N, C-alpha and C. Protein backbone atom coordinates (compact mmCIF):
# COMPACT_ATOMS: atom_id res chain seq x y z
N MET A 1 -2.49 -29.94 -24.50
CA MET A 1 -3.36 -30.44 -23.45
C MET A 1 -2.71 -30.30 -22.07
N SER A 2 -1.43 -30.41 -21.97
CA SER A 2 -0.78 -30.32 -20.66
C SER A 2 -0.93 -28.92 -20.06
N GLU A 3 -0.96 -27.90 -20.93
CA GLU A 3 -1.15 -26.54 -20.42
C GLU A 3 -2.54 -26.38 -19.81
N GLU A 4 -3.54 -26.98 -20.43
CA GLU A 4 -4.90 -26.90 -19.89
C GLU A 4 -4.98 -27.58 -18.53
N LYS A 5 -4.28 -28.68 -18.35
CA LYS A 5 -4.27 -29.36 -17.06
C LYS A 5 -3.60 -28.50 -16.00
N GLN A 6 -2.52 -27.83 -16.36
CA GLN A 6 -1.82 -26.97 -15.41
C GLN A 6 -2.71 -25.79 -15.00
N VAL A 7 -3.42 -25.23 -15.95
CA VAL A 7 -4.31 -24.11 -15.64
C VAL A 7 -5.43 -24.58 -14.73
N LYS A 8 -6.01 -25.73 -15.01
CA LYS A 8 -7.09 -26.26 -14.18
C LYS A 8 -6.59 -26.54 -12.76
N GLU A 9 -5.38 -27.08 -12.64
CA GLU A 9 -4.82 -27.36 -11.31
C GLU A 9 -4.57 -26.07 -10.55
N SER A 10 -4.06 -25.03 -11.22
CA SER A 10 -3.80 -23.77 -10.53
C SER A 10 -5.10 -23.11 -10.09
N VAL A 11 -6.13 -23.20 -10.92
CA VAL A 11 -7.44 -22.66 -10.55
C VAL A 11 -8.00 -23.43 -9.37
N LYS A 12 -7.82 -24.72 -9.37
CA LYS A 12 -8.31 -25.56 -8.27
C LYS A 12 -7.62 -25.19 -6.96
N LYS A 13 -6.30 -24.96 -7.02
CA LYS A 13 -5.55 -24.58 -5.82
C LYS A 13 -6.00 -23.21 -5.31
N GLU A 14 -6.25 -22.26 -6.21
CA GLU A 14 -6.66 -20.92 -5.81
C GLU A 14 -8.04 -20.91 -5.18
N THR A 15 -8.92 -21.79 -5.63
CA THR A 15 -10.26 -21.81 -5.07
C THR A 15 -10.29 -22.40 -3.68
N GLU A 16 -9.27 -23.16 -3.32
CA GLU A 16 -9.19 -23.74 -1.98
C GLU A 16 -8.81 -22.70 -0.93
N LYS A 17 -8.13 -21.64 -1.33
CA LYS A 17 -7.68 -20.61 -0.39
C LYS A 17 -8.85 -19.71 -0.01
N PRO A 18 -8.75 -19.03 1.18
CA PRO A 18 -9.77 -18.05 1.53
C PRO A 18 -9.81 -16.93 0.50
N LYS A 19 -10.96 -16.31 0.36
CA LYS A 19 -11.19 -15.34 -0.70
C LYS A 19 -10.24 -14.15 -0.63
N SER A 20 -9.97 -13.61 0.57
CA SER A 20 -9.14 -12.43 0.68
C SER A 20 -7.71 -12.71 0.22
N GLN A 21 -7.17 -13.86 0.56
CA GLN A 21 -5.83 -14.20 0.12
C GLN A 21 -5.79 -14.40 -1.38
N LYS A 22 -6.84 -15.02 -1.91
CA LYS A 22 -6.88 -15.31 -3.34
C LYS A 22 -6.91 -14.02 -4.15
N VAL A 23 -7.73 -13.06 -3.75
CA VAL A 23 -7.85 -11.81 -4.48
C VAL A 23 -6.54 -11.04 -4.44
N THR A 24 -5.89 -10.96 -3.27
CA THR A 24 -4.63 -10.25 -3.14
C THR A 24 -3.57 -10.89 -4.02
N LYS A 25 -3.52 -12.21 -4.02
CA LYS A 25 -2.51 -12.91 -4.81
C LYS A 25 -2.75 -12.70 -6.29
N VAL A 26 -3.99 -12.78 -6.72
CA VAL A 26 -4.31 -12.61 -8.13
C VAL A 26 -3.95 -11.20 -8.59
N VAL A 27 -4.29 -10.18 -7.80
CA VAL A 27 -3.97 -8.80 -8.17
C VAL A 27 -2.46 -8.62 -8.23
N SER A 28 -1.74 -9.13 -7.22
CA SER A 28 -0.29 -8.97 -7.19
C SER A 28 0.37 -9.67 -8.36
N GLU A 29 -0.11 -10.87 -8.71
CA GLU A 29 0.49 -11.60 -9.83
C GLU A 29 0.11 -10.95 -11.16
N LYS A 30 -1.13 -10.54 -11.29
CA LYS A 30 -1.61 -10.02 -12.57
C LYS A 30 -0.92 -8.71 -12.94
N PHE A 31 -0.77 -7.82 -11.99
CA PHE A 31 -0.19 -6.52 -12.28
C PHE A 31 1.26 -6.40 -11.83
N ASN A 32 1.80 -7.43 -11.18
CA ASN A 32 3.19 -7.46 -10.73
C ASN A 32 3.54 -6.20 -9.93
N LEU A 33 2.81 -5.96 -8.86
CA LEU A 33 3.02 -4.77 -8.05
C LEU A 33 4.12 -5.03 -7.03
N ASP A 34 5.21 -4.32 -7.14
CA ASP A 34 6.22 -4.39 -6.11
C ASP A 34 6.10 -3.14 -5.24
N ASN A 35 6.93 -3.06 -4.22
CA ASN A 35 6.79 -1.99 -3.22
C ASN A 35 6.91 -0.59 -3.82
N TYR A 36 7.84 -0.40 -4.73
CA TYR A 36 8.05 0.93 -5.28
C TYR A 36 7.04 1.26 -6.38
N ARG A 37 6.34 0.29 -6.86
CA ARG A 37 5.28 0.56 -7.83
C ARG A 37 3.97 0.86 -7.10
N ILE A 38 3.80 0.30 -5.91
CA ILE A 38 2.60 0.57 -5.11
C ILE A 38 2.61 2.02 -4.63
N LEU A 39 3.73 2.45 -4.05
CA LEU A 39 3.86 3.84 -3.56
C LEU A 39 4.41 4.70 -4.68
N LYS A 40 3.63 5.65 -5.15
CA LYS A 40 4.09 6.52 -6.22
C LYS A 40 4.91 7.68 -5.67
N TYR A 41 4.29 8.51 -4.81
CA TYR A 41 5.01 9.63 -4.23
C TYR A 41 4.27 10.13 -3.00
N PRO A 42 4.99 10.80 -2.06
CA PRO A 42 4.33 11.39 -0.90
C PRO A 42 3.77 12.77 -1.23
N LEU A 43 2.72 13.16 -0.52
CA LEU A 43 2.14 14.50 -0.69
C LEU A 43 2.66 15.41 0.40
N SER A 44 2.96 16.64 0.03
CA SER A 44 3.42 17.62 1.02
C SER A 44 2.56 18.87 0.94
N THR A 45 1.27 18.69 1.18
CA THR A 45 0.34 19.81 1.20
C THR A 45 0.23 20.33 2.63
N GLU A 46 -0.49 21.42 2.80
CA GLU A 46 -0.68 21.97 4.15
C GLU A 46 -1.40 20.97 5.05
N LYS A 47 -2.41 20.32 4.50
CA LYS A 47 -3.16 19.36 5.28
C LYS A 47 -2.28 18.17 5.69
N SER A 48 -1.46 17.68 4.78
CA SER A 48 -0.62 16.53 5.10
C SER A 48 0.44 16.89 6.14
N LEU A 49 0.96 18.11 6.09
CA LEU A 49 1.93 18.54 7.10
C LEU A 49 1.26 18.69 8.47
N ARG A 50 0.02 19.17 8.48
CA ARG A 50 -0.71 19.29 9.74
C ARG A 50 -0.99 17.91 10.33
N LEU A 51 -1.37 16.95 9.48
CA LEU A 51 -1.61 15.58 9.94
C LEU A 51 -0.33 14.93 10.45
N MET A 52 0.78 15.27 9.82
CA MET A 52 2.06 14.71 10.23
C MET A 52 2.41 15.14 11.66
N GLU A 53 2.16 16.40 11.96
CA GLU A 53 2.49 16.92 13.28
C GLU A 53 1.49 16.50 14.35
N SER A 54 0.20 16.52 14.02
CA SER A 54 -0.82 16.28 15.04
C SER A 54 -1.16 14.80 15.24
N GLU A 55 -1.26 14.03 14.14
CA GLU A 55 -1.73 12.65 14.24
C GLU A 55 -0.69 11.60 13.85
N ASN A 56 0.54 12.02 13.58
CA ASN A 56 1.62 11.10 13.21
C ASN A 56 1.26 10.32 11.94
N LYS A 57 0.75 11.04 10.92
CA LYS A 57 0.34 10.43 9.66
C LYS A 57 1.12 11.02 8.50
N LEU A 58 1.30 10.21 7.46
CA LEU A 58 1.83 10.67 6.19
C LEU A 58 0.83 10.34 5.10
N VAL A 59 0.82 11.14 4.04
CA VAL A 59 -0.11 10.93 2.94
C VAL A 59 0.69 10.59 1.69
N PHE A 60 0.31 9.49 1.04
CA PHE A 60 0.97 9.04 -0.18
C PHE A 60 -0.05 8.91 -1.30
N VAL A 61 0.39 9.14 -2.52
CA VAL A 61 -0.40 8.78 -3.69
C VAL A 61 0.09 7.38 -4.07
N VAL A 62 -0.86 6.46 -4.19
CA VAL A 62 -0.52 5.05 -4.42
C VAL A 62 -1.17 4.55 -5.70
N ASP A 63 -0.77 3.35 -6.11
CA ASP A 63 -1.35 2.73 -7.29
C ASP A 63 -2.82 2.43 -7.03
N LYS A 64 -3.65 2.70 -8.00
CA LYS A 64 -5.10 2.57 -7.83
C LYS A 64 -5.53 1.12 -7.61
N LYS A 65 -4.75 0.16 -8.06
CA LYS A 65 -5.12 -1.24 -7.95
C LYS A 65 -4.65 -1.88 -6.64
N SER A 66 -3.87 -1.18 -5.85
CA SER A 66 -3.36 -1.75 -4.60
C SER A 66 -4.40 -1.62 -3.49
N ASN A 67 -4.32 -2.55 -2.54
CA ASN A 67 -5.25 -2.51 -1.41
C ASN A 67 -4.50 -2.10 -0.14
N LYS A 68 -5.23 -2.01 0.97
CA LYS A 68 -4.65 -1.51 2.21
C LYS A 68 -3.54 -2.41 2.73
N LYS A 69 -3.72 -3.72 2.61
CA LYS A 69 -2.70 -4.65 3.10
C LYS A 69 -1.41 -4.51 2.31
N GLU A 70 -1.52 -4.36 1.01
CA GLU A 70 -0.33 -4.20 0.18
C GLU A 70 0.37 -2.88 0.47
N ILE A 71 -0.40 -1.83 0.69
CA ILE A 71 0.18 -0.52 1.02
C ILE A 71 0.91 -0.60 2.35
N LYS A 72 0.29 -1.22 3.33
CA LYS A 72 0.90 -1.34 4.65
C LYS A 72 2.20 -2.12 4.58
N SER A 73 2.21 -3.25 3.91
CA SER A 73 3.44 -4.05 3.84
C SER A 73 4.52 -3.33 3.05
N ALA A 74 4.16 -2.59 2.00
CA ALA A 74 5.15 -1.85 1.22
C ALA A 74 5.81 -0.77 2.07
N ILE A 75 5.01 -0.04 2.83
CA ILE A 75 5.57 1.03 3.66
C ILE A 75 6.44 0.46 4.77
N GLU A 76 6.01 -0.64 5.38
CA GLU A 76 6.81 -1.25 6.43
C GLU A 76 8.13 -1.76 5.89
N GLU A 77 8.15 -2.30 4.69
CA GLU A 77 9.40 -2.80 4.12
C GLU A 77 10.31 -1.67 3.66
N ILE A 78 9.77 -0.63 3.07
CA ILE A 78 10.60 0.46 2.55
C ILE A 78 11.18 1.31 3.68
N PHE A 79 10.34 1.72 4.63
CA PHE A 79 10.77 2.66 5.66
C PHE A 79 11.15 1.99 6.97
N LYS A 80 10.97 0.68 7.08
CA LYS A 80 11.30 -0.05 8.31
C LYS A 80 10.63 0.58 9.53
N ALA A 81 9.33 0.87 9.39
CA ALA A 81 8.56 1.51 10.44
C ALA A 81 7.26 0.73 10.63
N LYS A 82 6.73 0.77 11.85
CA LYS A 82 5.49 0.06 12.13
C LYS A 82 4.29 0.94 11.78
N VAL A 83 3.37 0.38 10.99
CA VAL A 83 2.18 1.10 10.56
C VAL A 83 1.00 0.61 11.40
N LEU A 84 0.25 1.56 11.96
CA LEU A 84 -0.93 1.20 12.75
C LEU A 84 -2.17 1.06 11.88
N LYS A 85 -2.36 2.02 10.96
CA LYS A 85 -3.61 2.06 10.20
C LYS A 85 -3.38 2.71 8.85
N VAL A 86 -4.15 2.23 7.85
CA VAL A 86 -4.11 2.81 6.51
C VAL A 86 -5.54 3.11 6.08
N ASN A 87 -5.80 4.36 5.72
CA ASN A 87 -7.08 4.75 5.14
C ASN A 87 -6.82 5.18 3.71
N THR A 88 -7.73 4.80 2.81
CA THR A 88 -7.55 5.15 1.40
C THR A 88 -8.71 6.00 0.91
N LEU A 89 -8.43 6.76 -0.15
CA LEU A 89 -9.40 7.67 -0.74
C LEU A 89 -9.09 7.79 -2.22
N ILE A 90 -10.11 7.69 -3.05
CA ILE A 90 -9.94 7.91 -4.49
C ILE A 90 -10.51 9.28 -4.80
N THR A 91 -9.67 10.15 -5.35
CA THR A 91 -10.06 11.53 -5.62
C THR A 91 -10.87 11.63 -6.91
N ARG A 92 -11.39 12.80 -7.16
CA ARG A 92 -12.15 13.04 -8.40
C ARG A 92 -11.27 12.94 -9.64
N GLN A 93 -9.99 13.21 -9.46
CA GLN A 93 -9.06 13.13 -10.57
C GLN A 93 -8.66 11.69 -10.88
N GLY A 94 -9.11 10.74 -10.07
CA GLY A 94 -8.81 9.33 -10.30
C GLY A 94 -7.55 8.85 -9.62
N LYS A 95 -6.97 9.64 -8.74
CA LYS A 95 -5.79 9.24 -7.99
C LYS A 95 -6.22 8.63 -6.67
N LYS A 96 -5.43 7.70 -6.17
CA LYS A 96 -5.73 7.06 -4.90
C LYS A 96 -4.73 7.55 -3.86
N LYS A 97 -5.25 8.11 -2.76
CA LYS A 97 -4.42 8.59 -1.66
C LYS A 97 -4.50 7.59 -0.51
N ALA A 98 -3.39 7.43 0.17
CA ALA A 98 -3.34 6.58 1.36
C ALA A 98 -2.89 7.42 2.54
N TYR A 99 -3.72 7.48 3.57
CA TYR A 99 -3.38 8.15 4.82
C TYR A 99 -2.84 7.09 5.76
N VAL A 100 -1.54 7.16 6.06
CA VAL A 100 -0.85 6.11 6.81
C VAL A 100 -0.51 6.63 8.19
N GLN A 101 -1.02 5.95 9.22
CA GLN A 101 -0.70 6.34 10.60
C GLN A 101 0.38 5.41 11.12
N PHE A 102 1.45 6.02 11.63
CA PHE A 102 2.58 5.27 12.17
C PHE A 102 2.46 5.14 13.68
N SER A 103 3.18 4.17 14.24
CA SER A 103 3.18 4.00 15.68
C SER A 103 4.01 5.12 16.31
N MET A 104 3.87 5.29 17.61
CA MET A 104 4.59 6.36 18.30
C MET A 104 6.09 6.08 18.37
N GLU A 105 6.50 4.84 18.13
CA GLU A 105 7.92 4.50 18.13
C GLU A 105 8.67 5.19 16.99
N THR A 106 7.98 5.38 15.87
CA THR A 106 8.60 6.01 14.70
C THR A 106 7.79 7.23 14.31
N PRO A 107 8.25 8.42 14.65
CA PRO A 107 7.51 9.64 14.28
C PRO A 107 7.49 9.85 12.77
N ALA A 108 6.38 10.31 12.27
CA ALA A 108 6.23 10.57 10.84
C ALA A 108 7.15 11.69 10.38
N ILE A 109 7.47 12.61 11.27
CA ILE A 109 8.37 13.72 10.92
C ILE A 109 9.75 13.19 10.57
N ASP A 110 10.22 12.17 11.29
CA ASP A 110 11.53 11.57 10.98
C ASP A 110 11.53 10.92 9.60
N ILE A 111 10.46 10.22 9.27
CA ILE A 111 10.37 9.57 7.97
C ILE A 111 10.30 10.62 6.86
N ALA A 112 9.54 11.69 7.10
CA ALA A 112 9.44 12.77 6.11
C ALA A 112 10.78 13.46 5.92
N THR A 113 11.53 13.63 6.97
CA THR A 113 12.86 14.24 6.88
C THR A 113 13.80 13.36 6.05
N ASN A 114 13.73 12.05 6.26
CA ASN A 114 14.56 11.13 5.49
C ASN A 114 14.20 11.14 4.01
N MET A 115 12.92 11.36 3.70
CA MET A 115 12.48 11.42 2.30
C MET A 115 12.79 12.77 1.66
N GLY A 116 13.04 13.80 2.47
CA GLY A 116 13.33 15.12 1.95
C GLY A 116 12.13 16.03 1.85
N LEU A 117 11.04 15.68 2.56
CA LEU A 117 9.85 16.54 2.56
C LEU A 117 10.01 17.75 3.45
N MET A 118 10.76 17.62 4.50
CA MET A 118 10.89 18.70 5.48
C MET A 118 12.24 19.38 5.34
């Protein structure tokens, strides 16, 4: 019976939070997504290299269950760079791509060089 009370209390606490925080927390707890599990690998296609040079963006393949806020925080923690915007896309193959735009303080070319893309 004590376990049922604990579950009811935790559900009660979660319902008090705003919906966006609750969903993010539930997904993070349920699937235990850490920063290196969210970001799978960077893409180095012709299009991604062109975006890197022209718009200061990098393209990553990310975990399908992660959201934009989780992707942004993971990239900021791993690369110690400021992220302006994250756009996501789910391909026909079922992979999720994240187009990450960095601030002008940290060029995407420098980050790509550190990763070994260039």
